[in-house]
């Protein structure tokens, strides 16, 4: 086997350095692309969160309106008009429930 001359060794070193630089550059481009992609995903998730919070607020208002005593009395009047026998409950028929709020 022959020995490798100095020109070949220098060329191989230069080739290895260029390859290393290209590799580092490609890893940098890949990581920046990944960061941009994840940033878009985070932005989309933030938009979804805002939309869902707005929907939750709207549904909470709707639920509160439906559960108000006025609304319940209207429903009771409608049911009475359809022949249902609705009377004021006795004390042992009334059960109180605690209102549980939705955690965020």
N, C-alpha and C. Protein backbone atom coordinates (compact mmCIF):
# COMPACT_ATOMS: atom_id res chain seq x y z
N UNK A 1 0.83 -1.18 0.00
CA UNK A 1 0.00 0.00 0.00
C UNK A 1 0.87 1.24 0.00
N UNK A 2 0.46 2.19 -0.77
CA UNK A 2 1.22 3.44 -0.83
C UNK A 2 0.69 4.44 0.18
N UNK A 3 1.53 5.38 0.49
CA UNK A 3 1.11 6.40 1.44
C UNK A 3 0.36 7.51 0.68
N UNK A 4 -0.46 8.22 1.40
CA UNK A 4 -1.24 9.29 0.80
C UNK A 4 -0.38 10.55 0.84
N UNK A 5 -0.29 11.25 -0.28
CA UNK A 5 0.55 12.45 -0.32
C UNK A 5 -0.14 13.63 0.38
N UNK A 6 0.61 14.67 0.64
CA UNK A 6 0.13 15.81 1.41
C UNK A 6 -1.01 16.55 0.71
N UNK A 7 -0.99 16.61 -0.61
CA UNK A 7 -2.06 17.29 -1.35
C UNK A 7 -3.39 16.57 -1.16
N UNK A 8 -3.37 15.26 -1.17
CA UNK A 8 -4.58 14.48 -0.98
C UNK A 8 -5.11 14.67 0.44
N UNK A 9 -4.23 14.66 1.41
CA UNK A 9 -4.63 14.86 2.80
C UNK A 9 -5.26 16.24 2.97
N UNK A 10 -4.65 17.26 2.39
CA UNK A 10 -5.19 18.62 2.46
C UNK A 10 -6.56 18.69 1.80
N UNK A 11 -6.70 18.05 0.65
CA UNK A 11 -7.98 18.06 -0.06
C UNK A 11 -9.04 17.35 0.76
N UNK A 12 -8.68 16.24 1.39
CA UNK A 12 -9.64 15.51 2.24
C UNK A 12 -10.06 16.34 3.45
N UNK A 13 -9.09 17.06 4.04
CA UNK A 13 -9.42 17.92 5.18
C UNK A 13 -10.37 19.04 4.76
N UNK A 14 -10.09 19.64 3.63
CA UNK A 14 -10.97 20.71 3.12
C UNK A 14 -12.36 20.14 2.82
N UNK A 15 -12.40 18.99 2.18
CA UNK A 15 -13.67 18.35 1.87
C UNK A 15 -14.45 18.04 3.16
N UNK A 16 -13.76 17.55 4.19
CA UNK A 16 -14.41 17.24 5.47
C UNK A 16 -14.93 18.51 6.13
N UNK A 17 -14.17 19.60 6.09
CA UNK A 17 -14.62 20.86 6.68
C UNK A 17 -15.83 21.42 5.94
N UNK A 18 -15.80 21.36 4.62
CA UNK A 18 -16.95 21.82 3.83
C UNK A 18 -18.17 20.96 4.14
N UNK A 19 -17.98 19.67 4.23
CA UNK A 19 -19.08 18.76 4.56
C UNK A 19 -19.64 19.06 5.94
N UNK A 20 -18.76 19.33 6.90
CA UNK A 20 -19.20 19.67 8.25
C UNK A 20 -19.99 20.98 8.26
N UNK A 21 -19.49 21.97 7.53
CA UNK A 21 -20.20 23.26 7.44
C UNK A 21 -21.58 23.08 6.80
N UNK A 22 -21.65 22.31 5.73
CA UNK A 22 -22.93 22.06 5.07
C UNK A 22 -23.87 21.33 6.02
N UNK A 23 -23.36 20.36 6.75
CA UNK A 23 -24.18 19.64 7.72
C UNK A 23 -24.72 20.55 8.81
N UNK A 24 -23.87 21.41 9.35
CA UNK A 24 -24.32 22.36 10.37
C UNK A 24 -25.36 23.30 9.79
N UNK A 25 -25.14 23.77 8.57
CA UNK A 25 -26.09 24.67 7.92
C UNK A 25 -27.45 23.97 7.73
N UNK A 26 -27.44 22.72 7.30
CA UNK A 26 -28.70 21.99 7.11
C UNK A 26 -29.43 21.77 8.42
N UNK A 27 -28.69 21.46 9.48
CA UNK A 27 -29.32 21.29 10.80
C UNK A 27 -29.93 22.61 11.26
N UNK A 28 -29.21 23.71 11.00
CA UNK A 28 -29.73 25.03 11.38
C UNK A 28 -31.03 25.34 10.61
N UNK A 29 -31.04 25.11 9.32
CA UNK A 29 -32.24 25.36 8.51
C UNK A 29 -33.39 24.48 8.99
N UNK A 30 -33.11 23.21 9.26
CA UNK A 30 -34.16 22.29 9.74
C UNK A 30 -34.73 22.77 11.07
N UNK A 31 -33.86 23.18 11.99
CA UNK A 31 -34.34 23.62 13.30
C UNK A 31 -35.15 24.90 13.19
N UNK A 32 -34.75 25.83 12.34
CA UNK A 32 -35.51 27.07 12.16
C UNK A 32 -36.88 26.77 11.53
N UNK A 33 -36.90 25.86 10.57
CA UNK A 33 -38.17 25.47 9.96
C UNK A 33 -39.10 24.85 10.99
N UNK A 34 -38.55 24.01 11.85
CA UNK A 34 -39.34 23.38 12.91
C UNK A 34 -39.88 24.43 13.88
N UNK A 35 -39.06 25.41 14.22
CA UNK A 35 -39.50 26.48 15.13
C UNK A 35 -40.64 27.28 14.51
N UNK A 36 -40.53 27.61 13.23
CA UNK A 36 -41.59 28.37 12.55
C UNK A 36 -42.87 27.54 12.50
N UNK A 37 -42.76 26.26 12.18
CA UNK A 37 -43.93 25.39 12.13
C UNK A 37 -44.62 25.32 13.48
N UNK A 38 -43.84 25.13 14.55
CA UNK A 38 -44.41 25.05 15.90
C UNK A 38 -45.03 26.39 16.31
N UNK A 39 -44.44 27.49 15.87
CA UNK A 39 -45.01 28.81 16.17
C UNK A 39 -46.40 28.96 15.54
N UNK A 40 -46.54 28.51 14.29
CA UNK A 40 -47.85 28.54 13.66
C UNK A 40 -48.86 27.66 14.41
N UNK A 41 -48.42 26.49 14.84
CA UNK A 41 -49.30 25.60 15.59
C UNK A 41 -49.73 26.25 16.91
N UNK A 42 -48.81 26.90 17.58
CA UNK A 42 -49.14 27.59 18.84
C UNK A 42 -50.14 28.70 18.57
N UNK A 43 -49.94 29.46 17.49
CA UNK A 43 -50.88 30.52 17.13
C UNK A 43 -52.28 29.98 16.87
N UNK A 44 -52.35 28.86 16.16
CA UNK A 44 -53.66 28.23 15.89
C UNK A 44 -54.32 27.78 17.19
N UNK A 45 -53.53 27.20 18.10
CA UNK A 45 -54.08 26.75 19.37
C UNK A 45 -54.57 27.92 20.22
N UNK A 46 -53.85 29.04 20.16
CA UNK A 46 -54.29 30.23 20.90
C UNK A 46 -55.61 30.74 20.34
N UNK A 47 -55.75 30.73 19.01
CA UNK A 47 -57.02 31.14 18.41
C UNK A 47 -58.15 30.23 18.84
N UNK A 48 -57.90 28.92 18.85
CA UNK A 48 -58.91 27.95 19.30
C UNK A 48 -59.29 28.21 20.75
N UNK A 49 -58.30 28.51 21.58
CA UNK A 49 -58.58 28.77 23.00
C UNK A 49 -59.49 29.99 23.15
N UNK A 50 -59.19 31.05 22.42
CA UNK A 50 -60.01 32.26 22.49
C UNK A 50 -61.44 31.96 22.03
N UNK A 51 -61.56 31.20 20.93
CA UNK A 51 -62.89 30.85 20.42
C UNK A 51 -63.65 30.01 21.44
N UNK A 52 -62.98 29.05 22.05
CA UNK A 52 -63.65 28.18 23.02
C UNK A 52 -64.01 28.94 24.29
N UNK A 53 -63.17 29.88 24.70
CA UNK A 53 -63.52 30.70 25.87
C UNK A 53 -64.74 31.56 25.57
N UNK A 54 -64.82 32.12 24.35
CA UNK A 54 -65.98 32.92 23.97
C UNK A 54 -67.24 32.05 23.93
N UNK A 55 -67.10 30.84 23.40
CA UNK A 55 -68.24 29.91 23.35
C UNK A 55 -68.68 29.52 24.76
N UNK A 56 -67.70 29.29 25.65
CA UNK A 56 -68.02 28.95 27.03
C UNK A 56 -68.77 30.09 27.71
N UNK A 57 -68.32 31.31 27.47
CA UNK A 57 -69.01 32.46 28.07
C UNK A 57 -70.43 32.57 27.54
N UNK A 58 -70.61 32.36 26.22
CA UNK A 58 -71.93 32.44 25.62
C UNK A 58 -72.84 31.33 26.19
N UNK A 59 -72.32 30.13 26.31
CA UNK A 59 -73.11 29.02 26.84
C UNK A 59 -73.43 29.21 28.32
N UNK A 60 -72.52 29.80 29.06
CA UNK A 60 -72.77 30.08 30.47
C UNK A 60 -73.92 31.07 30.61
N UNK A 61 -73.90 32.12 29.78
CA UNK A 61 -74.99 33.10 29.82
C UNK A 61 -76.31 32.43 29.45
N UNK A 62 -76.28 31.59 28.41
CA UNK A 62 -77.49 30.89 27.97
C UNK A 62 -78.01 29.96 29.07
N UNK A 63 -77.09 29.21 29.70
CA UNK A 63 -77.49 28.31 30.78
C UNK A 63 -78.10 29.09 31.94
N UNK A 64 -77.46 30.19 32.31
CA UNK A 64 -77.98 31.00 33.41
C UNK A 64 -79.36 31.55 33.09
N UNK A 65 -79.56 31.93 31.83
CA UNK A 65 -80.88 32.44 31.43
C UNK A 65 -81.92 31.33 31.50
N UNK A 66 -81.55 30.13 31.05
CA UNK A 66 -82.50 29.01 31.08
C UNK A 66 -82.79 28.53 32.50
N UNK A 67 -81.83 28.67 33.39
CA UNK A 67 -82.00 28.20 34.76
C UNK A 67 -82.58 29.28 35.68
N UNK A 68 -82.83 30.46 35.14
CA UNK A 68 -83.39 31.52 36.00
C UNK A 68 -84.80 31.13 36.43
N UNK A 69 -85.23 31.70 37.53
CA UNK A 69 -86.56 31.35 38.05
C UNK A 69 -87.66 31.77 37.07
N UNK A 70 -87.45 32.88 36.38
CA UNK A 70 -88.45 33.33 35.40
C UNK A 70 -88.60 32.31 34.27
N UNK A 71 -87.47 31.83 33.77
CA UNK A 71 -87.51 30.85 32.69
C UNK A 71 -88.15 29.54 33.15
N UNK A 72 -87.79 29.11 34.35
CA UNK A 72 -88.36 27.86 34.87
C UNK A 72 -89.87 28.00 35.10
N UNK A 73 -90.29 29.17 35.55
CA UNK A 73 -91.73 29.39 35.74
C UNK A 73 -92.47 29.36 34.40
N UNK A 74 -91.85 29.91 33.35
CA UNK A 74 -92.47 29.86 32.02
C UNK A 74 -92.64 28.42 31.56
N UNK A 75 -91.58 27.61 31.78
CA UNK A 75 -91.67 26.20 31.39
C UNK A 75 -92.76 25.49 32.19
N UNK A 76 -92.84 25.80 33.46
CA UNK A 76 -93.87 25.17 34.29
C UNK A 76 -95.27 25.57 33.80
N UNK A 77 -95.44 26.84 33.45
CA UNK A 77 -96.74 27.29 32.92
C UNK A 77 -97.08 26.57 31.62
N UNK A 78 -96.09 26.37 30.76
CA UNK A 78 -96.33 25.65 29.51
C UNK A 78 -96.77 24.21 29.79
N UNK A 79 -96.09 23.59 30.74
CA UNK A 79 -96.44 22.21 31.08
C UNK A 79 -97.83 22.12 31.71
N UNK A 80 -98.17 23.10 32.52
CA UNK A 80 -99.52 23.13 33.11
C UNK A 80 -100.56 23.24 32.01
N UNK A 81 -100.27 24.07 31.02
CA UNK A 81 -101.19 24.26 29.90
C UNK A 81 -101.37 22.99 29.08
N UNK A 82 -100.41 22.08 29.13
CA UNK A 82 -100.49 20.82 28.38
C UNK A 82 -101.08 19.69 29.22
N UNK A 83 -101.62 20.03 30.39
CA UNK A 83 -102.29 19.02 31.19
C UNK A 83 -101.45 18.36 32.25
N UNK A 84 -100.23 18.79 32.46
CA UNK A 84 -99.40 18.20 33.51
C UNK A 84 -99.83 18.77 34.86
N UNK A 85 -99.81 17.93 35.87
CA UNK A 85 -100.24 18.33 37.21
C UNK A 85 -99.03 18.83 38.00
N UNK A 86 -98.81 20.13 37.96
CA UNK A 86 -97.68 20.71 38.67
C UNK A 86 -98.19 21.44 39.91
N UNK A 87 -97.61 21.10 41.04
CA UNK A 87 -97.98 21.74 42.31
C UNK A 87 -96.71 22.21 43.00
N UNK A 88 -96.86 23.09 43.96
CA UNK A 88 -95.72 23.53 44.76
C UNK A 88 -95.29 22.35 45.62
N UNK A 89 -93.99 22.03 45.62
CA UNK A 89 -93.52 20.86 46.36
C UNK A 89 -93.56 21.08 47.87
N UNK A 90 -93.70 19.98 48.60
CA UNK A 90 -93.64 20.06 50.06
C UNK A 90 -92.17 20.16 50.47
N UNK A 91 -91.92 20.48 51.72
CA UNK A 91 -90.56 20.71 52.21
C UNK A 91 -89.67 19.47 52.05
N UNK A 92 -90.22 18.27 52.22
CA UNK A 92 -89.40 17.06 52.11
C UNK A 92 -89.12 16.67 50.64
N UNK A 93 -89.75 17.34 49.71
CA UNK A 93 -89.51 17.06 48.29
C UNK A 93 -88.44 17.97 47.69
N UNK A 94 -88.02 18.97 48.41
CA UNK A 94 -87.05 19.94 47.89
C UNK A 94 -85.65 19.52 48.31
N UNK A 95 -84.76 19.44 47.34
CA UNK A 95 -83.35 19.11 47.58
C UNK A 95 -82.52 20.24 47.02
N UNK A 96 -81.59 20.74 47.78
CA UNK A 96 -80.72 21.83 47.35
C UNK A 96 -79.41 21.26 46.83
N UNK A 97 -78.97 21.82 45.72
CA UNK A 97 -77.74 21.36 45.07
C UNK A 97 -76.78 22.54 45.05
N UNK A 98 -75.51 22.27 45.31
CA UNK A 98 -74.51 23.33 45.24
C UNK A 98 -74.17 23.59 43.79
N UNK A 99 -73.99 24.86 43.47
CA UNK A 99 -73.58 25.25 42.12
C UNK A 99 -72.09 24.99 41.99
N UNK A 100 -71.70 24.21 40.98
CA UNK A 100 -70.29 23.91 40.77
C UNK A 100 -69.84 24.66 39.53
N UNK A 101 -68.84 25.52 39.70
CA UNK A 101 -68.36 26.30 38.57
C UNK A 101 -67.36 25.48 37.76
N UNK A 102 -67.22 25.83 36.50
CA UNK A 102 -66.31 25.14 35.60
C UNK A 102 -64.90 25.69 35.84
N UNK A 103 -63.94 24.79 36.07
CA UNK A 103 -62.55 25.23 36.27
C UNK A 103 -61.88 25.43 34.93
N UNK A 104 -61.02 26.43 34.88
CA UNK A 104 -60.28 26.71 33.62
C UNK A 104 -58.85 26.34 33.79
